[in-house]
Amino acid sequence: MRLLILTFFIAFTVPLNAALMIAPTQLIFDDADRMKEVVLINTSDSPKSYRLGFTDKIQLSNGQYQNLEDGKVSEHSASEYLRFTPRQVRLLPGERQVVRVMKRNVTALPQGDYRSHLNFSVLPERSLDAIDEPVNGVRMQITALISYSIPVVFGIGQNNSAFEIQSYNIINNDKTSTVTVDISKQGDFGIMGRLEIWKNNSTGSPLRIGTLNGANIFRETDQIRYAIKTNQSIQPEDDLTIKFVDTSTRKIVDEKFIDKG
């Protein structure tokens, strides 16, 4: 009886600290930038092979990302104007590799920002040890394809976007609170953002009680809602400030004061 081996691949994205360190975790090209570098480090205890490629994503109303179907690109995809090398690497444990990303042929593009995600897929290591016992002459192997991605963005023209914290809602738990924040955008540029919740004290310095990194807004997104968990429960008498920060410039683009007094 012949033995048939079937291999199934399951692809999913995991946090960056699982088997690969990537620095920086985002690439933002200024007008004068022609090349950026990304450093990869294999943080696992075994050799790993990584395949690189661009993917495009859409942003949902809760801030989560969703991959476009294979072969499809977003309206403002950056991938057509970017090149990178190498396209595949194999790293020993602790070994590092520099990936160079080049921007080209962008001068004739309309105003706005352009975005894609540089994807790093961990290639499976073939091993019969991972194959289950045969069932009716068939062995089945399930291999997880782990992938990581970072945003790559460049802008054309003067940034004309404005962001506004429109509303908020506070949900209290026993020892923490969750603050949902609605933000609107106008203009042709997105933002790499961070949301901060500050508790204002009349007798001392304000205390930051909540932070949400990665509060990004795509160019195509006009309205978005994020949820920030605080490290303490917000009381009815607490005065708060919600800050929306541009992480690339470290400037506050909007803030809302909540005075309970």
C-alpha atoms as a PDB file:
ATOM      1  CA  MET A   1       0.000   0.000   0.000  1.00  0.00           C
ATOM      2  CA  ARG A   2       1.380   3.356  -1.019  1.00  0.00           C
ATOM      3  CA  LEU A   3       1.605   6.030   1.634  1.00  0.00           C
ATOM      4  CA  LEU A   4       0.161   9.385   0.658  1.00  0.00           C
ATOM      5  CA  ILE A   5       1.395  12.414   2.598  1.00  0.00           C
ATOM      6  CA  LEU A   6      -0.845  15.451   2.614  1.00  0.00           C
ATOM      7  CA  THR A   7       0.480  18.774   3.866  1.00  0.00           C
ATOM      8  CA  PHE A   8      -1.877  21.540   4.924  1.00  0.00           C
ATOM      9  CA  PHE A   9      -0.687  25.078   5.538  1.00  0.00           C
ATOM     10  CA  ILE A  10      -2.403  27.433   7.955  1.00  0.00           C
ATOM     11  CA  ALA A  11      -1.346  31.054   7.733  1.00  0.00           C
ATOM     12  CA  PHE A  12      -1.750  33.558  10.543  1.00  0.00           C
ATOM     13  CA  THR A  13      -0.058  36.593  11.992  1.00  0.00           C
ATOM     14  CA  VAL A  14       1.517  36.578  15.464  1.00  0.00           C
ATOM     15  CA  PRO A  15       3.225  39.194  17.634  1.00  0.00           C
ATOM     16  CA  LEU A  16       6.688  40.254  16.541  1.00  0.00           C
ATOM     17  CA  ASN A  17       8.399  38.799  19.580  1.00  0.00           C
ATOM     18  CA  ALA A  18       7.533  35.157  18.748  1.00  0.00           C
ATOM     19  CA  ALA A  19      10.456  34.183  16.485  1.00  0.00           C
ATOM     20  CA  LEU A  20      11.629  37.346  14.780  1.00  0.00           C
ATOM     21  CA  MET A  21      12.710  40.782  15.974  1.00  0.00           C
ATOM     22  CA  ILE A  22      12.089  43.591  13.486  1.00  0.00           C
ATOM     23  CA  ALA A  23      13.406  47.127  13.902  1.00  0.00           C
ATOM     24  CA  PRO A  24      11.963  49.581  13.251  1.00  0.00           C
ATOM     25  CA  THR A  25       8.360  48.367  13.290  1.00  0.00           C
ATOM     26  CA  GLN A  26       7.286  50.954  10.719  1.00  0.00           C
ATOM     27  CA  LEU A  27       8.947  52.716   7.788  1.00  0.00           C
ATOM     28  CA  ILE A  28       7.918  56.288   7.005  1.00  0.00           C
ATOM     29  CA  PHE A  29       9.673  57.943   4.060  1.00  0.00           C
ATOM     30  CA  ASP A  30      10.184  61.707   4.113  1.00  0.00           C
ATOM     31  CA  ASP A  31      10.341  63.604   0.816  1.00  0.00           C
ATOM     32  CA  ALA A  32      14.129  63.443   0.726  1.00  0.00           C
ATOM     33  CA  ASP A  33      14.349  59.753   1.680  1.00  0.00           C
ATOM     34  CA  ARG A  34      15.209  57.324  -1.090  1.00  0.00           C
ATOM     35  CA  MET A  35      16.104  54.292   1.010  1.00  0.00           C
ATOM     36  CA  LYS A  36      15.231  52.896   4.439  1.00  0.00           C
ATOM     37  CA  GLU A  37      16.627  49.890   6.279  1.00  0.00           C
ATOM     38  CA  VAL A  38      14.958  47.208   8.385  1.00  0.00           C
ATOM     39  CA  VAL A  39      16.944  44.887  10.650  1.00  0.00           C
ATOM     40  CA  LEU A  40      15.758  41.292  11.140  1.00  0.00           C
ATOM     41  CA  ILE A  41      17.011  39.117  14.011  1.00  0.00           C
ATOM     42  CA  ASN A  42      16.119  35.468  14.455  1.00  0.00           C
ATOM     43  CA  THR A  43      15.125  35.290  18.132  1.00  0.00           C
ATOM     44  CA  SER A  44      14.233  31.605  18.083  1.00  0.00           C
ATOM     45  CA  ASP A  45      16.516  28.724  19.080  1.00  0.00           C
ATOM     46  CA  SER A  46      16.635  27.151  15.595  1.00  0.00           C
ATOM     47  CA  PRO A  47      17.499  28.253  12.031  1.00  0.00           C
ATOM     48  CA  LYS A  48      14.655  30.005  10.243  1.00  0.00           C
ATOM     49  CA  SER A  49      13.980  31.002   6.645  1.00  0.00           C
ATOM     50  CA  TYR A  50      11.925  34.106   5.898  1.00  0.00           C
ATOM     51  CA  ARG A  51      10.293  35.151   2.621  1.00  0.00           C
ATOM     52  CA  LEU A  52       9.546  38.857   2.106  1.00  0.00           C
ATOM     53  CA  GLY A  53       6.801  40.468   0.088  1.00  0.00           C
ATOM     54  CA  PHE A  54       4.294  43.305   0.042  1.00  0.00           C
ATOM     55  CA  THR A  55       0.652  42.991   1.050  1.00  0.00           C
ATOM     56  CA  ASP A  56      -2.111  45.580   1.102  1.00  0.00           C
ATOM     57  CA  LYS A  57      -4.664  45.878   3.878  1.00  0.00           C
ATOM     58  CA  ILE A  58      -7.889  47.721   4.515  1.00  0.00           C
ATOM     59  CA  GLN A  59      -8.777  49.218   7.887  1.00  0.00           C
ATOM     60  CA  LEU A  60     -12.009  48.334   9.667  1.00  0.00           C
ATOM     61  CA  SER A  61     -14.030  50.771  11.758  1.00  0.00           C
ATOM     62  CA  ASN A  62     -12.540  49.352  14.994  1.00  0.00           C
ATOM     63  CA  GLY A  63      -8.966  49.928  13.813  1.00  0.00           C
ATOM     64  CA  GLN A  64      -8.257  46.298  12.944  1.00  0.00           C
ATOM     65  CA  TYR A  65      -6.613  45.408   9.627  1.00  0.00           C
ATOM     66  CA  GLN A  66      -7.855  42.982   7.014  1.00  0.00           C
ATOM     67  CA  ASN A  67      -5.737  41.636   4.154  1.00  0.00           C
ATOM     68  CA  LEU A  68      -6.959  42.165   0.631  1.00  0.00           C
ATOM     69  CA  GLU A  69      -7.438  39.059  -1.465  1.00  0.00           C
ATOM     70  CA  ASP A  70      -4.392  37.700  -3.280  1.00  0.00           C
ATOM     71  CA  GLY A  71      -3.559  39.749  -6.347  1.00  0.00           C
ATOM     72  CA  LYS A  72      -5.567  42.793  -5.248  1.00  0.00           C
ATOM     73  CA  VAL A  73      -4.011  46.117  -4.278  1.00  0.00           C
ATOM     74  CA  SER A  74      -5.504  49.092  -2.478  1.00  0.00           C
ATOM     75  CA  GLU A  75      -6.308  52.322  -4.268  1.00  0.00           C
ATOM     76  CA  HIS A  76      -3.313  54.044  -2.680  1.00  0.00           C
ATOM     77  CA  SER A  77      -0.901  51.120  -2.550  1.00  0.00           C
ATOM     78  CA  ALA A  78       2.794  51.962  -2.125  1.00  0.00           C
ATOM     79  CA  SER A  79       4.082  48.585  -3.306  1.00  0.00           C
ATOM     80  CA  GLU A  80       4.333  49.572  -6.987  1.00  0.00           C
ATOM     81  CA  TYR A  81       6.806  52.329  -6.085  1.00  0.00           C
ATOM     82  CA  LEU A  82       8.961  50.374  -3.642  1.00  0.00           C
ATOM     83  CA  ARG A  83      11.720  47.815  -4.139  1.00  0.00           C
ATOM     84  CA  PHE A  84      13.457  45.750  -1.477  1.00  0.00           C
ATOM     85  CA  THR A  85      16.368  43.363  -1.154  1.00  0.00           C
ATOM     86  CA  PRO A  86      16.881  40.556  -0.267  1.00  0.00           C
ATOM     87  CA  ARG A  87      13.613  38.763  -0.939  1.00  0.00           C
ATOM     88  CA  GLN A  88      14.401  35.677   1.105  1.00  0.00           C
ATOM     89  CA  VAL A  89      16.841  35.050   3.956  1.00  0.00           C
ATOM     90  CA  ARG A  90      17.881  32.184   6.204  1.00  0.00           C
ATOM     91  CA  LEU A  91      19.120  33.109   9.667  1.00  0.00           C
ATOM     92  CA  LEU A  92      20.758  31.093  12.387  1.00  0.00           C
ATOM     93  CA  PRO A  93      19.627  31.705  15.996  1.00  0.00           C
ATOM     94  CA  GLY A  94      20.669  35.246  16.941  1.00  0.00           C
ATOM     95  CA  GLU A  95      21.799  36.091  13.396  1.00  0.00           C
ATOM     96  CA  ARG A  96      20.731  39.386  11.825  1.00  0.00           C
ATOM     97  CA  GLN A  97      20.027  40.647   8.315  1.00  0.00           C
ATOM     98  CA  VAL A  98      19.585  44.174   6.963  1.00  0.00           C
ATOM     99  CA  VAL A  99      16.759  44.618   4.443  1.00  0.00           C
ATOM    100  CA  ARG A 100      16.928  47.689   2.226  1.00  0.00           C
ATOM    101  CA  VAL A 101      13.706  49.283   0.941  1.00  0.00           C
ATOM    102  CA  MET A 102      13.997  51.778  -1.937  1.00  0.00           C
ATOM    103  CA  LYS A 103      11.435  54.377  -3.075  1.00  0.00           C
ATOM    104  CA  ARG A 104      11.294  55.165  -6.817  1.00  0.00           C
ATOM    105  CA  ASN A 105       9.238  56.855  -9.577  1.00  0.00           C
ATOM    106  CA  VAL A 106       6.930  58.809  -7.249  1.00  0.00           C
ATOM    107  CA  THR A 107       7.239  62.386  -8.536  1.00  0.00           C
ATOM    108  CA  ALA A 108       4.162  62.255 -10.775  1.00  0.00           C
ATOM    109  CA  LEU A 109       1.824  60.827  -8.137  1.00  0.00           C
ATOM    110  CA  PRO A 110      -1.173  62.852  -6.890  1.00  0.00           C
ATOM    111  CA  GLN A 111      -1.052  64.389  -3.414  1.00  0.00           C
ATOM    112  CA  GLY A 112      -1.575  62.115  -0.446  1.00  0.00           C
ATOM    113  CA  ASP A 113       0.088  59.251   1.348  1.00  0.00           C
ATOM    114  CA  TYR A 114       0.660  55.765  -0.022  1.00  0.00           C
ATOM    115  CA  ARG A 115       0.850  52.666   2.148  1.00  0.00           C
ATOM    116  CA  SER A 116       1.605  48.952   1.944  1.00  0.00           C
ATOM    117  CA  HIS A 117       2.769  46.376   4.469  1.00  0.00           C
ATOM    118  CA  LEU A 118       6.088  44.581   4.171  1.00  0.00           C
ATOM    119  CA  ASN A 119       5.375  40.987   5.079  1.00  0.00           C
ATOM    120  CA  PHE A 120       7.857  38.495   6.574  1.00  0.00           C
ATOM    121  CA  SER A 121       6.696  34.880   6.294  1.00  0.00           C
ATOM    122  CA  VAL A 122       8.460  32.119   8.216  1.00  0.00           C
ATOM    123  CA  LEU A 123       8.951  29.225   5.806  1.00  0.00           C
ATOM    124  CA  PRO A 124       8.175  25.749   7.182  1.00  0.00           C
ATOM    125  CA  GLU A 125      11.032  23.386   7.943  1.00  0.00           C
ATOM    126  CA  ARG A 126      10.281  19.994   6.403  1.00  0.00           C
ATOM    127  CA  SER A 127      10.358  17.290   9.047  1.00  0.00           C
ATOM    128  CA  LEU A 128       8.790  13.840   9.180  1.00  0.00           C
ATOM    129  CA  ASP A 129       8.689  14.165  12.959  1.00  0.00           C
ATOM    130  CA  ALA A 130       5.814  16.623  12.547  1.00  0.00           C
ATOM    131  CA  ILE A 131       3.778  14.157  10.484  1.00  0.00           C
ATOM    132  CA  ASP A 132       1.029  12.360  12.357  1.00  0.00           C
ATOM    133  CA  GLU A 133       0.562   8.603  12.353  1.00  0.00           C
ATOM    134  CA  PRO A 134      -0.912   7.273   9.082  1.00  0.00           C
ATOM    135  CA  VAL A 135      -4.681   6.916   8.895  1.00  0.00           C
ATOM    136  CA  ASN A 136      -5.905   4.476   6.200  1.00  0.00           C
ATOM    137  CA  GLY A 137      -2.682   4.845   4.272  1.00  0.00           C
ATOM    138  CA  VAL A 138      -2.647   8.637   4.481  1.00  0.00           C
ATOM    139  CA  ARG A 139      -0.359  10.731   6.644  1.00  0.00           C
ATOM    140  CA  MET A 140      -1.415  14.268   7.365  1.00  0.00           C
ATOM    141  CA  GLN A 141       0.921  17.133   8.177  1.00  0.00           C
ATOM    142  CA  ILE A 142      -0.380  20.497   9.357  1.00  0.00           C
ATOM    143  CA  THR A 143       2.135  23.311   9.142  1.00  0.00           C
ATOM    144  CA  ALA A 144       1.536  26.798  10.523  1.00  0.00           C
ATOM    145  CA  LEU A 145       2.810  29.579   8.289  1.00  0.00           C
ATOM    146  CA  ILE A 146       3.649  32.389  10.683  1.00  0.00           C
ATOM    147  CA  SER A 147       3.916  35.871   9.245  1.00  0.00           C
ATOM    148  CA  TYR A 148       4.797  39.353  10.484  1.00  0.00           C
ATOM    149  CA  SER A 149       4.214  42.685   8.784  1.00  0.00           C
ATOM    150  CA  ILE A 150       5.156  46.328   9.204  1.00  0.00           C
ATOM    151  CA  PRO A 151       3.624  49.377   7.479  1.00  0.00           C
ATOM    152  CA  VAL A 152       5.635  51.227   4.830  1.00  0.00           C
ATOM    153  CA  VAL A 153       4.368  54.726   4.036  1.00  0.00           C
ATOM    154  CA  PHE A 154       5.449  57.676   1.910  1.00  0.00           C
ATOM    155  CA  GLY A 155       3.705  60.994   1.250  1.00  0.00           C
ATOM    156  CA  ILE A 156       3.412  63.266  -1.759  1.00  0.00           C
ATOM    157  CA  GLY A 157       2.776  66.984  -1.268  1.00  0.00           C
ATOM    158  CA  GLN A 158       1.852  68.991   1.803  1.00  0.00           C
ATOM    159  CA  ASN A 159       0.013  67.136   4.545  1.00  0.00           C
ATOM    160  CA  ASN A 160      -3.516  68.589   4.575  1.00  0.00           C
ATOM    161  CA  SER A 161      -5.184  66.221   7.027  1.00  0.00           C
ATOM    162  CA  ALA A 162      -6.911  67.205  10.266  1.00  0.00           C
ATOM    163  CA  PHE A 163      -7.981  64.862  13.068  1.00  0.00           C
ATOM    164  CA  GLU A 164     -10.622  65.460  15.714  1.00  0.00           C
ATOM    165  CA  ILE A 165     -11.570  63.536  18.842  1.00  0.00           C
ATOM    166  CA  GLN A 166     -15.325  63.722  18.451  1.00  0.00           C
ATOM    167  CA  SER A 167     -16.705  61.692  21.342  1.00  0.00           C
ATOM    168  CA  TYR A 168     -15.806  59.241  24.072  1.00  0.00           C
ATOM    169  CA  ASN A 169     -17.426  56.727  26.404  1.00  0.00           C
ATOM    170  CA  ILE A 170     -16.182  55.333  29.725  1.00  0.00           C
ATOM    171  CA  ILE A 171     -16.977  51.790  30.865  1.00  0.00           C
ATOM    172  CA  ASN A 172     -15.921  51.057  34.454  1.00  0.00           C
ATOM    173  CA  ASN A 173     -14.864  47.666  35.745  1.00  0.00           C
ATOM    174  CA  ASP A 174     -13.757  46.714  39.268  1.00  0.00           C
ATOM    175  CA  LYS A 175     -10.196  48.052  39.092  1.00  0.00           C
ATOM    176  CA  THR A 176      -9.866  49.399  35.552  1.00  0.00           C
ATOM    177  CA  SER A 177     -11.858  51.288  32.955  1.00  0.00           C
ATOM    178  CA  THR A 178     -12.185  51.133  29.187  1.00  0.00           C
ATOM    179  CA  VAL A 179     -12.420  54.403  27.273  1.00  0.00           C
ATOM    180  CA  THR A 180     -13.754  54.240  23.718  1.00  0.00           C
ATOM    181  CA  VAL A 181     -12.736  57.193  21.556  1.00  0.00           C
ATOM    182  CA  ASP A 182     -14.236  58.211  18.199  1.00  0.00           C
ATOM    183  CA  ILE A 183     -11.868  60.098  15.870  1.00  0.00           C
ATOM    184  CA  SER A 184     -12.674  61.729  12.529  1.00  0.00           C
ATOM    185  CA  LYS A 185     -10.245  62.540   9.715  1.00  0.00           C
ATOM    186  CA  GLN A 186     -10.374  65.002   6.840  1.00  0.00           C
ATOM    187  CA  GLY A 187      -7.719  65.183   4.131  1.00  0.00           C
ATOM    188  CA  ASP A 188      -5.502  62.992   1.939  1.00  0.00           C
ATOM    189  CA  PHE A 189      -3.059  61.726   4.577  1.00  0.00           C
ATOM    190  CA  GLY A 190      -3.319  59.108   7.286  1.00  0.00           C
ATOM    191  CA  ILE A 191      -1.430  59.033  10.564  1.00  0.00           C
ATOM    192  CA  MET A 192       0.633  56.740  12.762  1.00  0.00           C
ATOM    193  CA  GLY A 193      -0.939  57.609  16.093  1.00  0.00           C
ATOM    194  CA  ARG A 194      -1.036  56.936  19.805  1.00  0.00           C
ATOM    195  CA  LEU A 195      -3.893  57.595  22.212  1.00  0.00           C
ATOM    196  CA  GLU A 196      -3.232  58.614  25.801  1.00  0.00           C
ATOM    197  CA  ILE A 197      -5.576  59.014  28.781  1.00  0.00           C
ATOM    198  CA  TRP A 198      -4.358  61.437  31.463  1.00  0.00           C
ATOM    199  CA  LYS A 199      -5.834  61.984  34.908  1.00  0.00           C
ATOM    200  CA  ASN A 200      -5.532  65.612  35.972  1.00  0.00           C
ATOM    201  CA  ASN A 201      -4.645  66.345  39.578  1.00  0.00           C
ATOM    202  CA  SER A 202      -5.253  69.741  41.146  1.00  0.00           C
ATOM    203  CA  THR A 203      -2.333  69.250  43.545  1.00  0.00           C
ATOM    204  CA  GLY A 204       0.258  67.657  41.278  1.00  0.00           C
ATOM    205  CA  SER A 205       1.354  66.638  37.808  1.00  0.00           C
ATOM    206  CA  PRO A 206      -1.110  64.806  35.527  1.00  0.00           C
ATOM    207  CA  LEU A 207      -0.878  61.013  35.649  1.00  0.00           C
ATOM    208  CA  ARG A 208      -1.070  58.923  32.484  1.00  0.00           C
ATOM    209  CA  ILE A 209      -3.431  56.040  33.229  1.00  0.00           C
ATOM    210  CA  GLY A 210      -3.888  54.558  29.752  1.00  0.00           C
ATOM    211  CA  THR A 211      -2.009  54.270  26.450  1.00  0.00           C
ATOM    212  CA  LEU A 212      -2.888  52.703  23.110  1.00  0.00           C
ATOM    213  CA  ASN A 213      -0.010  52.432  20.667  1.00  0.00           C
ATOM    214  CA  GLY A 214      -0.775  51.726  17.028  1.00  0.00           C
ATOM    215  CA  ALA A 215      -3.846  53.980  16.961  1.00  0.00           C
ATOM    216  CA  ASN A 216      -3.287  54.460  13.248  1.00  0.00           C
ATOM    217  CA  ILE A 217      -5.701  55.909  10.705  1.00  0.00           C
ATOM    218  CA  PHE A 218      -5.435  55.003   7.021  1.00  0.00           C
ATOM    219  CA  ARG A 219      -5.851  57.582   4.295  1.00  0.00           C
ATOM    220  CA  GLU A 220      -9.120  55.927   3.218  1.00  0.00           C
ATOM    221  CA  THR A 221     -10.581  55.991   6.750  1.00  0.00           C
ATOM    222  CA  ASP A 222     -12.787  58.949   7.666  1.00  0.00           C
ATOM    223  CA  GLN A 223     -14.099  57.728  11.021  1.00  0.00           C
ATOM    224  CA  ILE A 224     -12.666  55.235  13.502  1.00  0.00           C
ATOM    225  CA  ARG A 225     -13.227  54.019  17.060  1.00  0.00           C
ATOM    226  CA  TYR A 226     -10.493  52.833  19.417  1.00  0.00           C
ATOM    227  CA  ALA A 227     -10.724  51.376  22.931  1.00  0.00           C
ATOM    228  CA  ILE A 228      -8.097  52.159  25.587  1.00  0.00           C
ATOM    229  CA  LYS A 229      -7.864  50.192  28.824  1.00  0.00           C
ATOM    230  CA  THR A 230      -6.723  52.181  31.855  1.00  0.00           C
ATOM    231  CA  ASN A 231      -4.623  50.899  34.749  1.00  0.00           C
ATOM    232  CA  GLN A 232      -7.094  52.183  37.336  1.00  0.00           C
ATOM    233  CA  SER A 233     -10.814  52.747  37.572  1.00  0.00           C
ATOM    234  CA  ILE A 234     -12.013  56.200  36.514  1.00  0.00           C
ATOM    235  CA  GLN A 235     -14.130  57.852  39.192  1.00  0.00           C
ATOM    236  CA  PRO A 236     -17.108  60.160  38.494  1.00  0.00           C
ATOM    237  CA  GLU A 237     -15.219  63.161  39.888  1.00  0.00           C
ATOM    238  CA  ASP A 238     -12.000  62.564  37.871  1.00  0.00           C
ATOM    239  CA  ASP A 239     -10.909  65.228  35.382  1.00  0.00           C
ATOM    240  CA  LEU A 240      -9.336  63.667  32.310  1.00  0.00           C
ATOM    241  CA  THR A 241      -7.508  64.616  29.129  1.00  0.00           C
ATOM    242  CA  ILE A 242      -7.542  62.442  26.008  1.00  0.00           C
ATOM    243  CA  LYS A 243      -4.563  63.086  23.728  1.00  0.00           C
ATOM    244  CA  PHE A 244      -4.079  61.913  20.146  1.00  0.00           C
ATOM    245  CA  VAL A 245      -0.367  61.976  19.273  1.00  0.00           C
ATOM    246  CA  ASP A 246       1.388  61.682  15.896  1.00  0.00           C
ATOM    247  CA  THR A 247       4.147  59.172  16.685  1.00  0.00           C
ATOM    248  CA  SER A 248       6.287  60.205  13.705  1.00  0.00           C
ATOM    249  CA  THR A 249       6.479  63.873  14.819  1.00  0.00           C
ATOM    250  CA  ARG A 250       5.636  63.317  18.538  1.00  0.00           C
ATOM    251  CA  LYS A 251       3.185  66.210  18.306  1.00  0.00           C
ATOM    252  CA  ILE A 252      -0.326  66.300  19.753  1.00  0.00           C
ATOM    253  CA  VAL A 253      -2.764  66.559  16.836  1.00  0.00           C
ATOM    254  CA  ASP A 254      -5.879  66.828  19.019  1.00  0.00           C
ATOM    255  CA  GLU A 255      -6.897  66.592  22.653  1.00  0.00           C
ATOM    256  CA  LYS A 256     -10.156  66.656  24.588  1.00  0.00           C
ATOM    257  CA  PHE A 257     -10.526  67.852  28.174  1.00  0.00           C
ATOM    258  CA  ILE A 258     -13.122  66.128  30.361  1.00  0.00           C
ATOM    259  CA  ASP A 259     -13.929  68.357  33.312  1.00  0.00           C
ATOM    260  CA  LYS A 260     -16.153  66.641  35.886  1.00  0.00           C
ATOM    261  CA  GLY A 261     -15.918  69.519  38.320  1.00  0.00           C
END
